[in-house]
Protein backbone atom coordinates (compact mmCIF):
# COMPACT_ATOMS: atom_id res chain seq x y z
CA UNK A 1 -10.08 5.48 -27.63
CA UNK A 2 -8.46 8.41 -25.55
CA UNK A 3 -4.90 8.29 -24.48
CA UNK A 4 -3.99 8.55 -20.84
CA UNK A 5 -2.29 12.35 -21.91
CA UNK A 6 -5.91 13.19 -23.31
CA UNK A 7 -7.65 12.11 -20.26
CA UNK A 8 -5.04 13.89 -18.09
CA UNK A 9 -5.37 17.06 -19.86
CA UNK A 10 -9.12 17.05 -19.56
CA UNK A 11 -8.80 15.92 -15.66
CA UNK A 12 -6.43 19.07 -15.01
CA UNK A 13 -9.27 21.24 -16.19
CA UNK A 14 -11.80 19.86 -13.66
CA UNK A 15 -12.44 21.90 -10.45
CA UNK A 16 -10.29 20.43 -7.57
CA UNK A 17 -13.06 18.65 -5.66
CA UNK A 18 -13.59 16.96 -8.94
CA UNK A 19 -10.00 16.02 -9.61
CA UNK A 20 -9.90 14.65 -5.87
CA UNK A 21 -12.88 12.60 -6.75
CA UNK A 22 -11.41 11.16 -9.93
CA UNK A 23 -8.21 10.49 -7.99
CA UNK A 24 -10.03 8.46 -5.20
CA UNK A 25 -11.97 6.52 -7.61
CA UNK A 26 -8.91 5.46 -9.83
CA UNK A 27 -7.01 4.46 -6.34
CA UNK A 28 -10.03 2.31 -5.32
CA UNK A 29 -10.24 0.85 -8.67
CA UNK A 30 -6.38 -0.31 -8.54
CA UNK A 31 -6.92 -1.41 -4.74
CA UNK A 32 -8.83 -4.45 -5.78
CA UNK A 33 -8.32 -7.53 -3.63
CA UNK A 34 -6.02 -10.21 -4.82
CA UNK A 35 -6.71 -13.83 -3.29
CA UNK A 36 -3.23 -14.99 -4.22
CA UNK A 37 -1.34 -12.11 -2.61
CA UNK A 38 -3.69 -12.14 0.36
CA UNK A 39 -3.07 -16.00 0.73
CA UNK A 40 0.69 -15.44 0.60
CA UNK A 41 0.60 -12.58 3.27
CA UNK A 42 -1.55 -14.79 5.36
CA UNK A 43 1.05 -17.55 5.38
CA UNK A 44 3.86 -15.30 5.87
CA UNK A 45 2.14 -13.63 8.95
CA UNK A 46 1.60 -16.93 10.40
CA UNK A 47 5.19 -18.04 9.80
CA UNK A 48 6.34 -14.92 11.61
CA UNK A 49 4.21 -15.52 14.63
CA UNK A 50 5.28 -18.80 14.83
CA UNK A 51 8.95 -18.14 14.51
CA UNK A 52 8.49 -15.66 17.31
CA UNK A 53 6.65 -18.07 19.50
CA UNK A 54 9.40 -20.50 19.03
CA UNK A 55 12.04 -17.73 19.86
CA UNK A 56 13.55 -17.77 16.67
CA UNK A 57 12.85 -14.09 16.11
CA UNK A 58 12.56 -11.21 18.57
CA UNK A 59 10.32 -8.30 18.50
CA UNK A 60 11.96 -4.86 17.96
CA UNK A 61 10.45 -1.52 19.19
CA UNK A 62 8.86 1.11 16.98
CA UNK A 63 11.47 3.46 18.45
CA UNK A 64 14.61 1.20 17.34
CA UNK A 65 13.06 0.94 13.75
CA UNK A 66 12.44 4.77 13.46
CA UNK A 67 15.69 5.51 14.77
CA UNK A 68 17.42 3.04 12.26
CA UNK A 69 15.72 4.63 9.43
CA UNK A 70 16.10 8.14 10.46
CA UNK A 71 19.78 8.31 11.21
CA UNK A 72 21.75 9.77 8.28
């Protein structure tokens, strides 16, 4: 069995479009659905909507969020 380092060495010798194709395939493989995580996010989003509807939390504008994280 080849090591990741050996595979990497072979991959960097590929043509750029072949490297991009390999990266796409690897990322697709890693992005497999996980029902447990999906269910947790579904519940979280429903809880947030309920909290918003009940006035427990308020909406924040995108501009406010960007400003918060871009101020140095």
